Amino acid sequence: MWLTAAGWLLNLMQEITEETALSEVFDEPKFKGILAKYNFPCLSCPFAQYEVKGLKIGNVCKMYGIDDKKLLKELNEVIKK
């Protein structure tokens, strides 16, 4: 087992869904790279550190037209490794 930068044990983490809070993936570099690939707006938002606990990944995807199915598939592939 290993801890992520955010203190999560990736191999114990449940599947990431549209209901997953953004705070659960926001600070982990492996996840952050995937979020950046999809131009996730929260990465450059100065208010993100205050908002991530209340934001769900699926809601942000809908607001900004991000393909949530592809994003979630890539995020979950990180957990499986």
PDB file of N, CA and C in Angstrom:
ATOM      1  N   MET A   1       0.835  -1.184   0.000  1.00  0.00           N
ATOM      2  CA  MET A   1       0.000   0.000   0.000  1.00  0.00           C
ATOM      3  C   MET A   1       0.872   1.237   0.000  1.00  0.00           C
ATOM      4  N   TRP A   2       0.364   2.286  -0.636  1.00  0.00           N
ATOM      5  CA  TRP A   2       1.105   3.535  -0.594  1.00  0.00           C
ATOM      6  C   TRP A   2       0.136   4.698  -0.514  1.00  0.00           C
ATOM      7  N   LEU A   3       0.592   5.743   0.147  1.00  0.00           N
ATOM      8  CA  LEU A   3      -0.225   6.934   0.315  1.00  0.00           C
ATOM      9  C   LEU A   3       0.004   7.892  -0.836  1.00  0.00           C
ATOM     10  N   THR A   4      -1.035   8.544  -1.259  1.00  0.00           N
ATOM     11  CA  THR A   4      -0.916   9.578  -2.272  1.00  0.00           C
ATOM     12  C   THR A   4      -0.548  10.877  -1.572  1.00  0.00           C
ATOM     13  N   ALA A   5      -0.307  11.908  -2.357  1.00  0.00           N
ATOM     14  CA  ALA A   5       0.019  13.217  -1.792  1.00  0.00           C
ATOM     15  C   ALA A   5      -1.110  13.728  -0.905  1.00  0.00           C
ATOM     16  N   ALA A   6      -2.323  13.339  -1.220  1.00  0.00           N
ATOM     17  CA  ALA A   6      -3.488  13.778  -0.443  1.00  0.00           C
ATOM     18  C   ALA A   6      -3.759  12.859   0.740  1.00  0.00           C
ATOM     19  N   GLY A   7      -2.940  11.825   0.900  1.00  0.00           N
ATOM     20  CA  GLY A   7      -3.108  10.915   2.023  1.00  0.00           C
ATOM     21  C   GLY A   7      -4.047   9.761   1.751  1.00  0.00           C
ATOM     22  N   TRP A   8      -4.422   9.536   0.523  1.00  0.00           N
ATOM     23  CA  TRP A   8      -5.340   8.444   0.188  1.00  0.00           C
ATOM     24  C   TRP A   8      -4.559   7.178  -0.104  1.00  0.00           C
ATOM     25  N   LEU A   9      -5.108   6.075   0.245  1.00  0.00           N
ATOM     26  CA  LEU A   9      -4.557   4.790  -0.158  1.00  0.00           C
ATOM     27  C   LEU A   9      -5.262   4.411  -1.455  1.00  0.00           C
ATOM     28  N   LEU A  10      -4.562   4.568  -2.571  1.00  0.00           N
ATOM     29  CA  LEU A  10      -5.203   4.350  -3.866  1.00  0.00           C
ATOM     30  C   LEU A  10      -5.767   2.954  -4.008  1.00  0.00           C
ATOM     31  N   ASN A  11      -5.046   1.950  -3.535  1.00  0.00           N
ATOM     32  CA  ASN A  11      -5.548   0.605  -3.742  1.00  0.00           C
ATOM     33  C   ASN A  11      -6.719   0.272  -2.814  1.00  0.00           C
ATOM     34  N   LEU A  12      -7.075   1.154  -1.905  1.00  0.00           N
ATOM     35  CA  LEU A  12      -8.247   0.959  -1.066  1.00  0.00           C
ATOM     36  C   LEU A  12      -9.391   1.884  -1.468  1.00  0.00           C
ATOM     37  N   MET A  13      -9.118   2.807  -2.362  1.00  0.00           N
ATOM     38  CA  MET A  13     -10.105   3.786  -2.782  1.00  0.00           C
ATOM     39  C   MET A  13     -11.186   3.098  -3.610  1.00  0.00           C
ATOM     40  N   GLN A  14     -12.423   3.470  -3.345  1.00  0.00           N
ATOM     41  CA  GLN A  14     -13.527   2.936  -4.112  1.00  0.00           C
ATOM     42  C   GLN A  14     -13.521   3.537  -5.518  1.00  0.00           C
ATOM     43  N   GLU A  15     -14.346   3.020  -6.366  1.00  0.00           N
ATOM     44  CA  GLU A  15     -14.460   3.553  -7.715  1.00  0.00           C
ATOM     45  C   GLU A  15     -14.862   5.023  -7.670  1.00  0.00           C
ATOM     46  N   ILE A  16     -14.266   5.803  -8.531  1.00  0.00           N
ATOM     47  CA  ILE A  16     -14.612   7.220  -8.649  1.00  0.00           C
ATOM     48  C   ILE A  16     -15.829   7.318  -9.555  1.00  0.00           C
ATOM     49  N   THR A  17     -16.837   8.032  -9.091  1.00  0.00           N
ATOM     50  CA  THR A  17     -18.073   8.197  -9.852  1.00  0.00           C
ATOM     51  C   THR A  17     -18.378   9.684 -10.011  1.00  0.00           C
ATOM     52  N   GLU A  18     -19.486   9.969 -10.684  1.00  0.00           N
ATOM     53  CA  GLU A  18     -19.883  11.375 -10.828  1.00  0.00           C
ATOM     54  C   GLU A  18     -20.259  11.992  -9.482  1.00  0.00           C
ATOM     55  N   GLU A  19     -20.528  11.157  -8.496  1.00  0.00           N
ATOM     56  CA  GLU A  19     -20.882  11.640  -7.154  1.00  0.00           C
ATOM     57  C   GLU A  19     -19.673  11.822  -6.239  1.00  0.00           C
ATOM     58  N   THR A  20     -18.497  11.448  -6.713  1.00  0.00           N
ATOM     59  CA  THR A  20     -17.282  11.608  -5.921  1.00  0.00           C
ATOM     60  C   THR A  20     -16.971  13.089  -5.757  1.00  0.00           C
ATOM     61  N   ALA A  21     -16.658  13.477  -4.536  1.00  0.00           N
ATOM     62  CA  ALA A  21     -16.290  14.872  -4.284  1.00  0.00           C
ATOM     63  C   ALA A  21     -14.956  15.161  -4.961  1.00  0.00           C
ATOM     64  N   LEU A  22     -14.867  16.313  -5.558  1.00  0.00           N
ATOM     65  CA  LEU A  22     -13.637  16.719  -6.224  1.00  0.00           C
ATOM     66  C   LEU A  22     -12.454  16.704  -5.259  1.00  0.00           C
ATOM     67  N   SER A  23     -12.714  16.974  -3.994  1.00  0.00           N
ATOM     68  CA  SER A  23     -11.642  16.992  -2.995  1.00  0.00           C
ATOM     69  C   SER A  23     -10.955  15.636  -2.850  1.00  0.00           C
ATOM     70  N   GLU A  24     -11.620  14.556  -3.234  1.00  0.00           N
ATOM     71  CA  GLU A  24     -11.044  13.221  -3.104  1.00  0.00           C
ATOM     72  C   GLU A  24      -9.962  12.944  -4.146  1.00  0.00           C
ATOM     73  N   VAL A  25      -9.948  13.709  -5.225  1.00  0.00           N
ATOM     74  CA  VAL A  25      -8.961  13.472  -6.287  1.00  0.00           C
ATOM     75  C   VAL A  25      -8.111  14.706  -6.597  1.00  0.00           C
ATOM     76  N   PHE A  26      -8.487  15.836  -6.068  1.00  0.00           N
ATOM     77  CA  PHE A  26      -7.917  17.119  -6.474  1.00  0.00           C
ATOM     78  C   PHE A  26      -6.420  17.262  -6.223  1.00  0.00           C
ATOM     79  N   ASP A  27      -5.908  16.768  -5.118  1.00  0.00           N
ATOM     80  CA  ASP A  27      -4.509  16.993  -4.762  1.00  0.00           C
ATOM     81  C   ASP A  27      -3.554  15.874  -5.166  1.00  0.00           C
ATOM     82  N   GLU A  28      -4.061  14.821  -5.729  1.00  0.00           N
ATOM     83  CA  GLU A  28      -3.209  13.706  -6.135  1.00  0.00           C
ATOM     84  C   GLU A  28      -2.644  13.984  -7.531  1.00  0.00           C
ATOM     85  N   PRO A  29      -1.309  14.049  -7.668  1.00  0.00           N
ATOM     86  CA  PRO A  29      -0.701  14.376  -8.959  1.00  0.00           C
ATOM     87  C   PRO A  29      -1.142  13.490 -10.122  1.00  0.00           C
ATOM     88  N   LYS A  30      -1.312  12.184  -9.891  1.00  0.00           N
ATOM     89  CA  LYS A  30      -1.724  11.302 -10.992  1.00  0.00           C
ATOM     90  C   LYS A  30      -3.133  11.651 -11.475  1.00  0.00           C
ATOM     91  N   PHE A  31      -3.998  12.009 -10.560  1.00  0.00           N
ATOM     92  CA  PHE A  31      -5.347  12.415 -10.943  1.00  0.00           C
ATOM     93  C   PHE A  31      -5.329  13.807 -11.564  1.00  0.00           C
ATOM     94  N   LYS A  32      -4.514  14.690 -11.011  1.00  0.00           N
ATOM     95  CA  LYS A  32      -4.455  16.070 -11.479  1.00  0.00           C
ATOM     96  C   LYS A  32      -4.033  16.131 -12.950  1.00  0.00           C
ATOM     97  N   GLY A  33      -3.128  15.253 -13.354  1.00  0.00           N
ATOM     98  CA  GLY A  33      -2.710  15.200 -14.750  1.00  0.00           C
ATOM     99  C   GLY A  33      -3.864  14.838 -15.675  1.00  0.00           C
ATOM    100  N   ILE A  34      -4.699  13.929 -15.233  1.00  0.00           N
ATOM    101  CA  ILE A  34      -5.864  13.538 -16.036  1.00  0.00           C
ATOM    102  C   ILE A  34      -6.869  14.680 -16.083  1.00  0.00           C
ATOM    103  N   LEU A  35      -7.110  15.319 -14.940  1.00  0.00           N
ATOM    104  CA  LEU A  35      -8.026  16.459 -14.915  1.00  0.00           C
ATOM    105  C   LEU A  35      -7.533  17.567 -15.849  1.00  0.00           C
ATOM    106  N   ALA A  36      -6.230  17.795 -15.873  1.00  0.00           N
ATOM    107  CA  ALA A  36      -5.655  18.816 -16.756  1.00  0.00           C
ATOM    108  C   ALA A  36      -5.863  18.445 -18.226  1.00  0.00           C
ATOM    109  N   LYS A  37      -5.734  17.179 -18.543  1.00  0.00           N
ATOM    110  CA  LYS A  37      -5.936  16.704 -19.919  1.00  0.00           C
ATOM    111  C   LYS A  37      -7.336  17.061 -20.424  1.00  0.00           C
ATOM    112  N   TYR A  38      -8.306  17.043 -19.516  1.00  0.00           N
ATOM    113  CA  TYR A  38      -9.683  17.356 -19.874  1.00  0.00           C
ATOM    114  C   TYR A  38     -10.018  18.829 -19.644  1.00  0.00           C
ATOM    115  N   ASN A  39      -8.988  19.647 -19.432  1.00  0.00           N
ATOM    116  CA  ASN A  39      -9.163  21.086 -19.194  1.00  0.00           C
ATOM    117  C   ASN A  39     -10.132  21.363 -18.051  1.00  0.00           C
ATOM    118  N   PHE A  40      -9.983  20.594 -16.998  1.00  0.00           N
ATOM    119  CA  PHE A  40     -10.849  20.763 -15.830  1.00  0.00           C
ATOM    120  C   PHE A  40     -10.641  22.163 -15.272  1.00  0.00           C
ATOM    121  N   PRO A  41     -11.680  22.987 -15.232  1.00  0.00           N
ATOM    122  CA  PRO A  41     -11.526  24.401 -14.881  1.00  0.00           C
ATOM    123  C   PRO A  41     -11.061  24.646 -13.446  1.00  0.00           C
ATOM    124  N   CYS A  42     -11.325  23.742 -12.552  1.00  0.00           N
ATOM    125  CA  CYS A  42     -11.002  23.948 -11.133  1.00  0.00           C
ATOM    126  C   CYS A  42      -9.499  23.996 -10.867  1.00  0.00           C
ATOM    127  N   LEU A  43      -8.702  23.452 -11.773  1.00  0.00           N
ATOM    128  CA  LEU A  43      -7.261  23.421 -11.561  1.00  0.00           C
ATOM    129  C   LEU A  43      -6.652  24.812 -11.558  1.00  0.00           C
ATOM    130  N   SER A  44      -7.256  25.724 -12.305  1.00  0.00           N
ATOM    131  CA  SER A  44      -6.717  27.083 -12.383  1.00  0.00           C
ATOM    132  C   SER A  44      -7.579  28.097 -11.629  1.00  0.00           C
ATOM    133  N   CYS A  45      -8.591  27.626 -10.958  1.00  0.00           N
ATOM    134  CA  CYS A  45      -9.510  28.524 -10.249  1.00  0.00           C
ATOM    135  C   CYS A  45      -8.948  28.886  -8.871  1.00  0.00           C
ATOM    136  N   PRO A  46      -8.815  30.186  -8.583  1.00  0.00           N
ATOM    137  CA  PRO A  46      -8.278  30.580  -7.278  1.00  0.00           C
ATOM    138  C   PRO A  46      -9.196  30.229  -6.106  1.00  0.00           C
ATOM    139  N   PHE A  47     -10.460  29.975  -6.376  1.00  0.00           N
ATOM    140  CA  PHE A  47     -11.405  29.636  -5.308  1.00  0.00           C
ATOM    141  C   PHE A  47     -11.558  28.135  -5.110  1.00  0.00           C
ATOM    142  N   ALA A  48     -10.880  27.348  -5.924  1.00  0.00           N
ATOM    143  CA  ALA A  48     -11.054  25.898  -5.898  1.00  0.00           C
ATOM    144  C   ALA A  48     -10.759  25.297  -4.528  1.00  0.00           C
ATOM    145  N   GLN A  49      -9.733  25.777  -3.848  1.00  0.00           N
ATOM    146  CA  GLN A  49      -9.406  25.188  -2.548  1.00  0.00           C
ATOM    147  C   GLN A  49     -10.548  25.322  -1.555  1.00  0.00           C
ATOM    148  N   TYR A  50     -11.417  26.300  -1.745  1.00  0.00           N
ATOM    149  CA  TYR A  50     -12.562  26.491  -0.856  1.00  0.00           C
ATOM    150  C   TYR A  50     -13.796  25.722  -1.325  1.00  0.00           C
ATOM    151  N   GLU A  51     -13.835  25.421  -2.617  1.00  0.00           N
ATOM    152  CA  GLU A  51     -15.030  24.823  -3.200  1.00  0.00           C
ATOM    153  C   GLU A  51     -14.966  23.317  -3.401  1.00  0.00           C
ATOM    154  N   VAL A  52     -13.774  22.732  -3.472  1.00  0.00           N
ATOM    155  CA  VAL A  52     -13.653  21.332  -3.883  1.00  0.00           C
ATOM    156  C   VAL A  52     -14.400  20.345  -2.992  1.00  0.00           C
ATOM    157  N   LYS A  53     -14.564  20.655  -1.728  1.00  0.00           N
ATOM    158  CA  LYS A  53     -15.269  19.718  -0.844  1.00  0.00           C
ATOM    159  C   LYS A  53     -16.745  19.593  -1.201  1.00  0.00           C
ATOM    160  N   GLY A  54     -17.325  20.656  -1.711  1.00  0.00           N
ATOM    161  CA  GLY A  54     -18.740  20.637  -2.040  1.00  0.00           C
ATOM    162  C   GLY A  54     -19.045  20.305  -3.483  1.00  0.00           C
ATOM    163  N   LEU A  55     -18.020  20.247  -4.312  1.00  0.00           N
ATOM    164  CA  LEU A  55     -18.236  19.980  -5.737  1.00  0.00           C
ATOM    165  C   LEU A  55     -18.141  18.494  -6.042  1.00  0.00           C
ATOM    166  N   LYS A  56     -19.075  18.019  -6.828  1.00  0.00           N
ATOM    167  CA  LYS A  56     -19.054  16.633  -7.304  1.00  0.00           C
ATOM    168  C   LYS A  56     -18.476  16.625  -8.711  1.00  0.00           C
ATOM    169  N   ILE A  57     -17.693  15.625  -9.030  1.00  0.00           N
ATOM    170  CA  ILE A  57     -17.053  15.545 -10.335  1.00  0.00           C
ATOM    171  C   ILE A  57     -18.087  15.622 -11.461  1.00  0.00           C
ATOM    172  N   GLY A  58     -19.172  14.904 -11.323  1.00  0.00           N
ATOM    173  CA  GLY A  58     -20.205  14.894 -12.361  1.00  0.00           C
ATOM    174  C   GLY A  58     -20.823  16.257 -12.594  1.00  0.00           C
ATOM    175  N   ASN A  59     -21.036  17.020 -11.538  1.00  0.00           N
ATOM    176  CA  ASN A  59     -21.626  18.355 -11.678  1.00  0.00           C
ATOM    177  C   ASN A  59     -20.700  19.293 -12.430  1.00  0.00           C
ATOM    178  N   VAL A  60     -19.410  19.235 -12.120  1.00  0.00           N
ATOM    179  CA  VAL A  60     -18.448  20.091 -12.810  1.00  0.00           C
ATOM    180  C   VAL A  60     -18.384  19.709 -14.289  1.00  0.00           C
ATOM    181  N   CYS A  61     -18.394  18.410 -14.570  1.00  0.00           N
ATOM    182  CA  CYS A  61     -18.381  17.956 -15.962  1.00  0.00           C
ATOM    183  C   CYS A  61     -19.589  18.494 -16.727  1.00  0.00           C
ATOM    184  N   LYS A  62     -20.751  18.443 -16.124  1.00  0.00           N
ATOM    185  CA  LYS A  62     -21.961  18.944 -16.782  1.00  0.00           C
ATOM    186  C   LYS A  62     -21.882  20.443 -17.002  1.00  0.00           C
ATOM    187  N   MET A  63     -21.394  21.182 -16.008  1.00  0.00           N
ATOM    188  CA  MET A  63     -21.310  22.643 -16.127  1.00  0.00           C
ATOM    189  C   MET A  63     -20.378  23.083 -17.243  1.00  0.00           C
ATOM    190  N   TYR A  64     -19.324  22.314 -17.473  1.00  0.00           N
ATOM    191  CA  TYR A  64     -18.304  22.738 -18.426  1.00  0.00           C
ATOM    192  C   TYR A  64     -18.219  21.864 -19.672  1.00  0.00           C
ATOM    193  N   GLY A  65     -19.195  20.984 -19.870  1.00  0.00           N
ATOM    194  CA  GLY A  65     -19.249  20.169 -21.081  1.00  0.00           C
ATOM    195  C   GLY A  65     -18.105  19.170 -21.212  1.00  0.00           C
ATOM    196  N   ILE A  66     -17.665  18.610 -20.098  1.00  0.00           N
ATOM    197  CA  ILE A  66     -16.581  17.624 -20.101  1.00  0.00           C
ATOM    198  C   ILE A  66     -17.196  16.229 -20.171  1.00  0.00           C
ATOM    199  N   ASP A  67     -16.625  15.379 -20.995  1.00  0.00           N
ATOM    200  CA  ASP A  67     -17.122  14.006 -21.148  1.00  0.00           C
ATOM    201  C   ASP A  67     -16.828  13.228 -19.861  1.00  0.00           C
ATOM    202  N   ASP A  68     -17.829  13.119 -19.017  1.00  0.00           N
ATOM    203  CA  ASP A  68     -17.626  12.488 -17.706  1.00  0.00           C
ATOM    204  C   ASP A  68     -17.301  11.007 -17.803  1.00  0.00           C
ATOM    205  N   LYS A  69     -17.845  10.314 -18.780  1.00  0.00           N
ATOM    206  CA  LYS A  69     -17.583   8.877 -18.903  1.00  0.00           C
ATOM    207  C   LYS A  69     -16.110   8.611 -19.205  1.00  0.00           C
ATOM    208  N   LYS A  70     -15.539   9.360 -20.132  1.00  0.00           N
ATOM    209  CA  LYS A  70     -14.125   9.181 -20.464  1.00  0.00           C
ATOM    210  C   LYS A  70     -13.233   9.591 -19.293  1.00  0.00           C
ATOM    211  N   LEU A  71     -13.572  10.715 -18.670  1.00  0.00           N
ATOM    212  CA  LEU A  71     -12.797  11.195 -17.530  1.00  0.00           C
ATOM    213  C   LEU A  71     -12.805  10.173 -16.395  1.00  0.00           C
ATOM    214  N   LEU A  72     -13.977   9.684 -16.034  1.00  0.00           N
ATOM    215  CA  LEU A  72     -14.085   8.713 -14.945  1.00  0.00           C
ATOM    216  C   LEU A  72     -13.353   7.415 -15.270  1.00  0.00           C
ATOM    217  N   LYS A  73     -13.407   6.989 -16.520  1.00  0.00           N
ATOM    218  CA  LYS A  73     -12.693   5.781 -16.923  1.00  0.00           C
ATOM    219  C   LYS A  73     -11.195   5.956 -16.682  1.00  0.00           C
ATOM    220  N   GLU A  74     -10.638   7.086 -17.088  1.00  0.00           N
ATOM    221  CA  GLU A  74      -9.192   7.317 -16.904  1.00  0.00           C
ATOM    222  C   GLU A  74      -8.829   7.452 -15.427  1.00  0.00           C
ATOM    223  N   LEU A  75      -9.663   8.141 -14.658  1.00  0.00           N
ATOM    224  CA  LEU A  75      -9.377   8.285 -13.226  1.00  0.00           C
ATOM    225  C   LEU A  75      -9.382   6.921 -12.541  1.00  0.00           C
ATOM    226  N   ASN A  76     -10.347   6.084 -12.892  1.00  0.00           N
ATOM    227  CA  ASN A  76     -10.446   4.762 -12.269  1.00  0.00           C
ATOM    228  C   ASN A  76      -9.328   3.814 -12.713  1.00  0.00           C
ATOM    229  N   GLU A  77      -8.758   4.032 -13.890  1.00  0.00           N
ATOM    230  CA  GLU A  77      -7.629   3.213 -14.320  1.00  0.00           C
ATOM    231  C   GLU A  77      -6.427   3.429 -13.405  1.00  0.00           C
ATOM    232  N   VAL A  78      -6.278   4.639 -12.865  1.00  0.00           N
ATOM    233  CA  VAL A  78      -5.189   4.926 -11.929  1.00  0.00           C
ATOM    234  C   VAL A  78      -5.331   4.089 -10.667  1.00  0.00           C
ATOM    235  N   ILE A  79      -6.551   3.949 -10.188  1.00  0.00           N
ATOM    236  CA  ILE A  79      -6.799   3.171  -8.972  1.00  0.00           C
ATOM    237  C   ILE A  79      -6.474   1.704  -9.180  1.00  0.00           C
ATOM    238  N   LYS A  80      -6.763   1.184 -10.351  1.00  0.00           N
ATOM    239  CA  LYS A  80      -6.571  -0.236 -10.624  1.00  0.00           C
ATOM    240  C   LYS A  80      -5.106  -0.626 -10.763  1.00  0.00           C
ATOM    241  N   LYS A  81      -4.249   0.340 -11.024  1.00  0.00           N
ATOM    242  CA  LYS A  81      -2.811   0.031 -11.227  1.00  0.00           C
ATOM    243  C   LYS A  81      -2.134  -0.277  -9.932  1.00  0.00           C
TER     244      LYS A  81
END
